[in-house]
Amino acid sequence: MVNLKFPITEVEDYLFKVNVDLRIYSQEAITANCYKFSGDYYVHQQMDEINNNIVIVFIESKEKTAIIPEVVKQFCTDLIDQQLRIYTNKQFGHIRDLIVEEAFKPINKL
């Protein structure tokens, strides 16, 4: 079995820290994902003081209850989703814009 190093470090029962690599994920994807979790958790992000390619995301329970590891794993999975949305929009966003423009075009009466 391979031992994978997951970028999660437990700080306390109700607080986790996730290191996100900017060479893989854009700042836009990280911020969008933080916002997605902000309803249930306090979320804070800051640059790593040593490595400029790392954004440290802190996820804290608003209820001061223990955060189960699955929550942080979901954060990491959703981060992939956010990044894919950004890639897809950059590649195909113009097609979406054309469809919307066509859908809302006024009908010409003859």
N, C-alpha and C. Protein backbone atom coordinates (compact mmCIF):
# COMPACT_ATOMS: atom_id res chain seq x y z
N MET A 1 0.84 -1.18 0.00
CA MET A 1 0.00 0.00 0.00
C MET A 1 0.88 1.25 0.00
N VAL A 2 0.54 2.22 -0.81
CA VAL A 2 1.30 3.45 -0.93
C VAL A 2 0.84 4.43 0.15
N ASN A 3 1.78 5.06 0.82
CA ASN A 3 1.46 6.05 1.83
C ASN A 3 1.50 7.43 1.19
N LEU A 4 0.32 7.99 0.94
CA LEU A 4 0.23 9.30 0.30
C LEU A 4 0.26 10.39 1.36
N LYS A 5 0.96 11.45 1.08
CA LYS A 5 1.01 12.59 1.99
C LYS A 5 -0.12 13.53 1.63
N PHE A 6 -1.14 13.57 2.46
CA PHE A 6 -2.30 14.42 2.23
C PHE A 6 -2.01 15.79 2.84
N PRO A 7 -2.35 16.87 2.18
CA PRO A 7 -1.96 18.21 2.65
C PRO A 7 -2.83 18.75 3.79
N ILE A 8 -3.23 17.89 4.72
CA ILE A 8 -4.08 18.32 5.82
C ILE A 8 -3.33 18.16 7.13
N THR A 9 -3.38 19.18 7.95
CA THR A 9 -2.76 19.12 9.26
C THR A 9 -3.82 19.51 10.28
N GLU A 10 -4.10 18.65 11.24
CA GLU A 10 -5.06 18.98 12.29
C GLU A 10 -4.38 19.90 13.29
N VAL A 11 -4.99 21.04 13.55
CA VAL A 11 -4.44 21.98 14.50
C VAL A 11 -5.07 21.74 15.87
N GLU A 12 -6.39 21.68 15.90
CA GLU A 12 -7.15 21.37 17.10
C GLU A 12 -8.38 20.61 16.65
N ASP A 13 -9.18 20.16 17.61
CA ASP A 13 -10.37 19.40 17.26
C ASP A 13 -11.32 20.15 16.34
N TYR A 14 -11.45 21.44 16.54
CA TYR A 14 -12.41 22.23 15.78
C TYR A 14 -11.75 23.09 14.70
N LEU A 15 -10.47 22.91 14.46
CA LEU A 15 -9.75 23.72 13.49
C LEU A 15 -8.79 22.85 12.68
N PHE A 16 -8.89 22.96 11.35
CA PHE A 16 -7.98 22.27 10.46
C PHE A 16 -7.25 23.27 9.59
N LYS A 17 -6.12 22.85 9.10
CA LYS A 17 -5.33 23.68 8.18
C LYS A 17 -5.08 22.84 6.94
N VAL A 18 -5.30 23.43 5.77
CA VAL A 18 -5.08 22.76 4.50
C VAL A 18 -4.08 23.59 3.71
N ASN A 19 -3.02 22.97 3.23
CA ASN A 19 -2.03 23.64 2.39
C ASN A 19 -2.41 23.41 0.93
N VAL A 20 -2.62 24.50 0.19
CA VAL A 20 -3.03 24.41 -1.20
C VAL A 20 -1.93 24.98 -2.09
N ASP A 21 -1.53 24.21 -3.07
CA ASP A 21 -0.42 24.57 -3.95
C ASP A 21 -0.92 25.42 -5.11
N LEU A 22 -0.41 26.64 -5.23
CA LEU A 22 -0.81 27.54 -6.31
C LEU A 22 -0.31 27.10 -7.68
N ARG A 23 0.59 26.13 -7.72
CA ARG A 23 1.03 25.59 -9.02
C ARG A 23 -0.01 24.63 -9.57
N ILE A 24 -0.96 24.22 -8.73
CA ILE A 24 -2.02 23.30 -9.15
C ILE A 24 -3.37 24.01 -9.22
N TYR A 25 -3.67 24.83 -8.22
CA TYR A 25 -4.96 25.51 -8.11
C TYR A 25 -4.76 27.02 -8.19
N SER A 26 -5.69 27.69 -8.86
CA SER A 26 -5.61 29.15 -8.96
C SER A 26 -6.15 29.77 -7.68
N GLN A 27 -5.74 31.01 -7.44
CA GLN A 27 -6.26 31.73 -6.28
C GLN A 27 -7.77 31.89 -6.38
N GLU A 28 -8.26 32.06 -7.59
CA GLU A 28 -9.69 32.19 -7.82
C GLU A 28 -10.44 30.93 -7.37
N ALA A 29 -9.91 29.76 -7.69
CA ALA A 29 -10.54 28.49 -7.29
C ALA A 29 -10.51 28.33 -5.78
N ILE A 30 -9.40 28.70 -5.16
CA ILE A 30 -9.27 28.59 -3.70
C ILE A 30 -10.29 29.49 -3.01
N THR A 31 -10.40 30.74 -3.44
CA THR A 31 -11.32 31.68 -2.83
C THR A 31 -12.77 31.24 -3.04
N ALA A 32 -13.11 30.77 -4.23
CA ALA A 32 -14.47 30.30 -4.50
C ALA A 32 -14.81 29.11 -3.59
N ASN A 33 -13.86 28.24 -3.39
CA ASN A 33 -14.09 27.08 -2.55
C ASN A 33 -14.22 27.48 -1.08
N CYS A 34 -13.42 28.43 -0.65
CA CYS A 34 -13.53 28.93 0.72
C CYS A 34 -14.93 29.51 0.95
N TYR A 35 -15.41 30.26 -0.03
CA TYR A 35 -16.74 30.85 0.10
C TYR A 35 -17.82 29.77 0.21
N LYS A 36 -17.65 28.70 -0.55
CA LYS A 36 -18.62 27.60 -0.52
C LYS A 36 -18.74 27.00 0.88
N PHE A 37 -17.68 26.98 1.64
CA PHE A 37 -17.67 26.39 2.97
C PHE A 37 -17.97 27.41 4.07
N SER A 38 -18.06 28.69 3.72
CA SER A 38 -18.18 29.73 4.73
C SER A 38 -19.54 29.77 5.43
N GLY A 39 -20.52 29.07 4.92
CA GLY A 39 -21.81 29.03 5.59
C GLY A 39 -21.76 28.26 6.89
N ASP A 40 -21.01 27.17 6.92
CA ASP A 40 -20.94 26.31 8.10
C ASP A 40 -19.66 26.47 8.91
N TYR A 41 -18.65 27.08 8.29
CA TYR A 41 -17.34 27.15 8.93
C TYR A 41 -16.77 28.56 8.78
N TYR A 42 -15.91 28.93 9.71
CA TYR A 42 -15.09 30.11 9.53
C TYR A 42 -13.92 29.67 8.66
N VAL A 43 -13.68 30.37 7.59
CA VAL A 43 -12.62 29.99 6.67
C VAL A 43 -11.70 31.19 6.48
N HIS A 44 -10.42 30.95 6.59
CA HIS A 44 -9.42 32.01 6.44
C HIS A 44 -8.30 31.47 5.57
N GLN A 45 -7.77 32.31 4.71
CA GLN A 45 -6.64 31.89 3.88
C GLN A 45 -5.51 32.90 4.01
N GLN A 46 -4.29 32.40 3.96
CA GLN A 46 -3.11 33.27 4.00
C GLN A 46 -1.97 32.60 3.25
N MET A 47 -1.06 33.40 2.77
CA MET A 47 0.11 32.88 2.08
C MET A 47 1.08 32.27 3.09
N ASP A 48 1.72 31.20 2.72
CA ASP A 48 2.77 30.61 3.54
C ASP A 48 3.95 31.57 3.54
N GLU A 49 4.50 31.82 4.70
CA GLU A 49 5.61 32.78 4.80
C GLU A 49 6.90 32.25 4.20
N ILE A 50 7.04 30.94 4.12
CA ILE A 50 8.27 30.33 3.60
C ILE A 50 8.16 30.00 2.12
N ASN A 51 7.02 29.43 1.72
CA ASN A 51 6.84 28.98 0.34
C ASN A 51 5.74 29.82 -0.32
N ASN A 52 6.09 30.65 -1.27
CA ASN A 52 5.13 31.53 -1.95
C ASN A 52 4.16 30.78 -2.85
N ASN A 53 4.38 29.49 -3.06
CA ASN A 53 3.47 28.70 -3.87
C ASN A 53 2.38 28.04 -3.05
N ILE A 54 2.35 28.27 -1.76
CA ILE A 54 1.39 27.61 -0.88
C ILE A 54 0.46 28.64 -0.24
N VAL A 55 -0.84 28.36 -0.35
CA VAL A 55 -1.86 29.12 0.38
C VAL A 55 -2.33 28.21 1.51
N ILE A 56 -2.33 28.73 2.72
CA ILE A 56 -2.79 27.96 3.87
C ILE A 56 -4.23 28.35 4.14
N VAL A 57 -5.12 27.36 4.15
CA VAL A 57 -6.53 27.60 4.42
C VAL A 57 -6.86 27.00 5.78
N PHE A 58 -7.42 27.83 6.65
CA PHE A 58 -7.84 27.40 7.97
C PHE A 58 -9.35 27.23 7.96
N ILE A 59 -9.83 26.09 8.42
CA ILE A 59 -11.25 25.80 8.47
C ILE A 59 -11.60 25.55 9.93
N GLU A 60 -12.48 26.40 10.47
CA GLU A 60 -12.83 26.31 11.88
C GLU A 60 -14.34 26.14 12.05
N SER A 61 -14.73 25.23 12.90
CA SER A 61 -16.14 25.00 13.19
C SER A 61 -16.74 26.22 13.88
N LYS A 62 -17.87 26.71 13.37
CA LYS A 62 -18.55 27.84 14.00
C LYS A 62 -19.14 27.43 15.35
N GLU A 63 -19.44 26.16 15.49
CA GLU A 63 -20.05 25.65 16.72
C GLU A 63 -19.01 25.14 17.71
N LYS A 64 -17.73 25.25 17.37
CA LYS A 64 -16.63 24.73 18.20
C LYS A 64 -16.79 23.23 18.46
N THR A 65 -17.34 22.53 17.46
CA THR A 65 -17.45 21.08 17.53
C THR A 65 -16.36 20.48 16.65
N ALA A 66 -16.03 19.25 16.93
CA ALA A 66 -14.96 18.59 16.19
C ALA A 66 -15.30 18.51 14.69
N ILE A 67 -14.32 18.81 13.88
CA ILE A 67 -14.47 18.69 12.44
C ILE A 67 -13.96 17.31 12.05
N ILE A 68 -14.82 16.54 11.43
CA ILE A 68 -14.40 15.20 11.01
C ILE A 68 -13.53 15.34 9.75
N PRO A 69 -12.57 14.45 9.59
CA PRO A 69 -11.65 14.55 8.43
C PRO A 69 -12.37 14.57 7.08
N GLU A 70 -13.55 13.98 7.00
CA GLU A 70 -14.28 13.96 5.73
C GLU A 70 -14.65 15.37 5.26
N VAL A 71 -14.84 16.29 6.20
CA VAL A 71 -15.17 17.67 5.83
C VAL A 71 -13.99 18.29 5.08
N VAL A 72 -12.81 18.07 5.59
CA VAL A 72 -11.63 18.65 4.95
C VAL A 72 -11.33 17.92 3.64
N LYS A 73 -11.56 16.63 3.61
CA LYS A 73 -11.40 15.88 2.36
C LYS A 73 -12.38 16.39 1.32
N GLN A 74 -13.61 16.72 1.75
CA GLN A 74 -14.60 17.28 0.83
C GLN A 74 -14.14 18.64 0.33
N PHE A 75 -13.52 19.43 1.20
CA PHE A 75 -12.97 20.72 0.79
C PHE A 75 -11.97 20.51 -0.35
N CYS A 76 -11.09 19.53 -0.19
CA CYS A 76 -10.07 19.26 -1.22
C CYS A 76 -10.70 18.76 -2.52
N THR A 77 -11.72 17.92 -2.41
CA THR A 77 -12.41 17.43 -3.60
C THR A 77 -13.14 18.56 -4.31
N ASP A 78 -13.81 19.41 -3.53
CA ASP A 78 -14.52 20.55 -4.12
C ASP A 78 -13.57 21.55 -4.76
N LEU A 79 -12.35 21.61 -4.27
CA LEU A 79 -11.34 22.49 -4.86
C LEU A 79 -11.03 22.06 -6.29
N ILE A 80 -10.97 20.76 -6.51
CA ILE A 80 -10.78 20.24 -7.88
C ILE A 80 -11.94 20.68 -8.76
N ASP A 81 -13.16 20.57 -8.24
CA ASP A 81 -14.35 20.98 -8.98
C ASP A 81 -14.29 22.46 -9.36
N GLN A 82 -13.91 23.30 -8.40
CA GLN A 82 -13.81 24.74 -8.67
C GLN A 82 -12.78 25.02 -9.76
N GLN A 83 -11.64 24.34 -9.70
CA GLN A 83 -10.60 24.57 -10.70
C GLN A 83 -11.07 24.12 -12.08
N LEU A 84 -11.78 22.99 -12.15
CA LEU A 84 -12.30 22.52 -13.43
C LEU A 84 -13.34 23.49 -14.01
N ARG A 85 -14.14 24.11 -13.14
CA ARG A 85 -15.10 25.11 -13.61
C ARG A 85 -14.37 26.29 -14.25
N ILE A 86 -13.28 26.69 -13.66
CA ILE A 86 -12.50 27.80 -14.21
C ILE A 86 -11.89 27.42 -15.55
N TYR A 87 -11.30 26.23 -15.64
CA TYR A 87 -10.73 25.76 -16.92
C TYR A 87 -11.81 25.69 -18.00
N THR A 88 -12.96 25.12 -17.64
CA THR A 88 -14.05 24.96 -18.61
C THR A 88 -14.57 26.31 -19.08
N ASN A 89 -14.71 27.25 -18.15
CA ASN A 89 -15.19 28.58 -18.52
C ASN A 89 -14.20 29.28 -19.45
N LYS A 90 -12.92 29.14 -19.18
CA LYS A 90 -11.91 29.77 -20.04
C LYS A 90 -11.94 29.17 -21.44
N GLN A 91 -12.17 27.86 -21.51
CA GLN A 91 -12.13 27.18 -22.80
C GLN A 91 -13.44 27.31 -23.58
N PHE A 92 -14.57 27.23 -22.87
CA PHE A 92 -15.86 27.18 -23.56
C PHE A 92 -16.83 28.29 -23.16
N GLY A 93 -16.39 29.24 -22.37
CA GLY A 93 -17.27 30.31 -21.92
C GLY A 93 -17.87 31.11 -23.05
N HIS A 94 -17.11 31.29 -24.12
CA HIS A 94 -17.62 32.06 -25.25
C HIS A 94 -18.82 31.36 -25.91
N ILE A 95 -18.83 30.03 -25.89
CA ILE A 95 -19.96 29.28 -26.46
C ILE A 95 -21.21 29.52 -25.61
N ARG A 96 -21.05 29.47 -24.28
CA ARG A 96 -22.16 29.76 -23.37
C ARG A 96 -22.70 31.16 -23.64
N ASP A 97 -21.80 32.12 -23.82
CA ASP A 97 -22.23 33.50 -24.07
C ASP A 97 -23.02 33.61 -25.37
N LEU A 98 -22.60 32.89 -26.41
CA LEU A 98 -23.33 32.91 -27.68
C LEU A 98 -24.72 32.31 -27.53
N ILE A 99 -24.84 31.23 -26.77
CA ILE A 99 -26.14 30.58 -26.55
C ILE A 99 -27.07 31.52 -25.80
N VAL A 100 -26.56 32.16 -24.75
CA VAL A 100 -27.38 33.10 -23.97
C VAL A 100 -27.79 34.27 -24.84
N GLU A 101 -26.88 34.79 -25.63
CA GLU A 101 -27.20 35.91 -26.52
C GLU A 101 -28.29 35.53 -27.50
N GLU A 102 -28.19 34.33 -28.07
CA GLU A 102 -29.19 33.86 -29.02
C GLU A 102 -30.55 33.65 -28.34
N ALA A 103 -30.52 33.13 -27.14
CA ALA A 103 -31.76 32.85 -26.41
C ALA A 103 -32.53 34.12 -26.06
N PHE A 104 -31.82 35.20 -25.80
CA PHE A 104 -32.47 36.43 -25.39
C PHE A 104 -32.55 37.48 -26.50
N LYS A 105 -32.27 37.07 -27.73
CA LYS A 105 -32.37 37.96 -28.86
C LYS A 105 -33.84 38.31 -29.10
N PRO A 106 -34.12 39.57 -29.38
CA PRO A 106 -35.54 39.93 -29.64
C PRO A 106 -36.04 39.23 -30.90
N ILE A 107 -37.30 38.88 -30.85
CA ILE A 107 -37.92 38.22 -32.02
C ILE A 107 -38.31 39.30 -33.02
N ASN A 108 -37.84 39.12 -34.26
CA ASN A 108 -38.17 40.08 -35.32
C ASN A 108 -39.51 39.68 -35.94
N LYS A 109 -40.44 40.59 -35.94
CA LYS A 109 -41.75 40.33 -36.55
C LYS A 109 -41.71 40.83 -37.99
N LEU A 110 -42.18 39.99 -38.88
CA LEU A 110 -42.21 40.36 -40.30
C LEU A 110 -43.49 40.99 -40.69
